[in-house]
Amino acid sequence: MSTRLNEKQRLLAEQYLTYADAIARRFRSRWPGAGDDFESAAQLGLVQSALRYDARHNVSFPTYASRRMIGQCIEVLRDYR
């Protein structure tokens, strides 16, 4: 699998960047010590989602991506503790 976003994937990720930031803020408000790590993790989850998303599965991109972004933020918590 390619690790570079094509144009369509890049546009999809850019469209939901504020969504990733909102998820990161939610985690940061509860665990302020980890700060920017949550932003990086949520953005990484967003890019991974854009790479793997397949609309043929009848799941909206925000639903699909939110699971990955939240999962990446949880990984930060595991490392933080």
Protein backbone atom coordinates (compact mmCIF):
# COMPACT_ATOMS: atom_id res chain seq x y z
CA MET A 1 0.00 0.00 0.00
CA SER A 2 1.25 3.46 -0.85
CA THR A 3 1.93 5.77 2.07
CA ARG A 4 1.45 8.94 0.03
CA LEU A 5 -1.94 10.55 -0.29
CA ASN A 6 -3.25 11.01 -3.79
CA GLU A 7 -5.04 14.25 -4.63
CA LYS A 8 -8.50 12.95 -3.67
CA GLN A 9 -7.25 11.58 -0.35
CA ARG A 10 -5.37 14.80 0.40
CA LEU A 11 -8.47 16.90 -0.21
CA LEU A 12 -10.53 14.57 1.98
CA ALA A 13 -8.02 14.86 4.83
CA GLU A 14 -7.85 18.65 4.48
CA GLN A 15 -11.64 18.89 4.58
CA TYR A 16 -11.76 17.16 7.98
CA LEU A 17 -8.69 18.72 9.59
CA THR A 18 -10.85 20.84 11.89
CA TYR A 19 -12.65 17.64 12.94
CA ALA A 20 -9.30 16.13 13.94
CA ASP A 21 -8.48 19.28 15.90
CA ALA A 22 -11.83 19.06 17.72
CA ILE A 23 -11.11 15.47 18.76
CA ALA A 24 -7.64 16.48 19.95
CA ARG A 25 -9.10 19.38 21.98
CA ARG A 26 -11.52 17.01 23.67
CA PHE A 27 -8.63 14.84 24.86
CA ARG A 28 -6.41 17.80 25.71
CA SER A 29 -9.11 19.28 27.95
CA ARG A 30 -9.06 16.13 30.07
CA TRP A 31 -5.30 15.50 29.97
CA PRO A 32 -3.61 18.88 29.46
CA GLY A 33 -0.10 17.57 30.05
CA ALA A 34 -0.02 15.71 26.74
CA GLY A 35 -0.91 18.89 24.77
CA ASP A 36 0.28 18.83 21.17
CA ASP A 37 0.68 15.06 21.16
CA PHE A 38 -3.09 14.72 20.82
CA GLU A 39 -3.14 17.03 17.81
CA SER A 40 -0.40 15.04 16.11
CA ALA A 41 -2.12 11.76 16.92
CA ALA A 42 -5.52 12.89 15.64
CA GLN A 43 -3.97 14.22 12.44
CA LEU A 44 -2.07 10.97 11.94
CA GLY A 45 -5.32 9.05 12.39
CA LEU A 46 -6.97 11.33 9.84
CA VAL A 47 -4.26 10.72 7.25
CA GLN A 48 -4.37 6.96 7.88
CA SER A 49 -8.13 7.06 7.43
CA ALA A 50 -7.87 9.00 4.18
CA LEU A 51 -5.42 6.38 2.89
CA ARG A 52 -7.63 3.41 3.78
CA TYR A 53 -11.16 4.78 3.30
CA ASP A 54 -13.38 2.89 0.87
CA ALA A 55 -16.80 4.46 0.27
CA ARG A 56 -18.11 1.14 -1.08
CA HIS A 57 -18.55 -0.03 2.53
CA ASN A 58 -21.41 2.46 3.04
CA VAL A 59 -19.79 4.16 6.03
CA SER A 60 -19.37 7.92 6.00
CA PHE A 61 -15.83 9.21 6.13
CA PRO A 62 -16.30 11.14 9.43
CA THR A 63 -17.61 7.99 11.11
CA TYR A 64 -14.74 5.91 9.76
CA ALA A 65 -12.08 8.52 10.53
CA SER A 66 -13.29 9.36 14.03
CA ARG A 67 -12.58 5.81 15.21
CA ARG A 68 -9.02 5.99 13.94
CA MET A 69 -8.39 9.49 15.31
CA ILE A 70 -9.75 8.57 18.75
CA GLY A 71 -7.71 5.38 18.71
CA GLN A 72 -4.52 7.31 18.01
CA CYS A 73 -5.30 9.69 20.90
CA ILE A 74 -5.84 6.73 23.20
CA GLU A 75 -2.40 5.46 22.18
CA VAL A 76 -0.97 8.79 23.35
CA LEU A 77 -2.64 8.25 26.72
CA ARG A 78 -1.06 4.81 27.02
CA ASP A 79 2.36 6.31 26.35
CA TYR A 80 1.65 9.29 28.64
CA ARG A 81 0.86 7.18 31.69
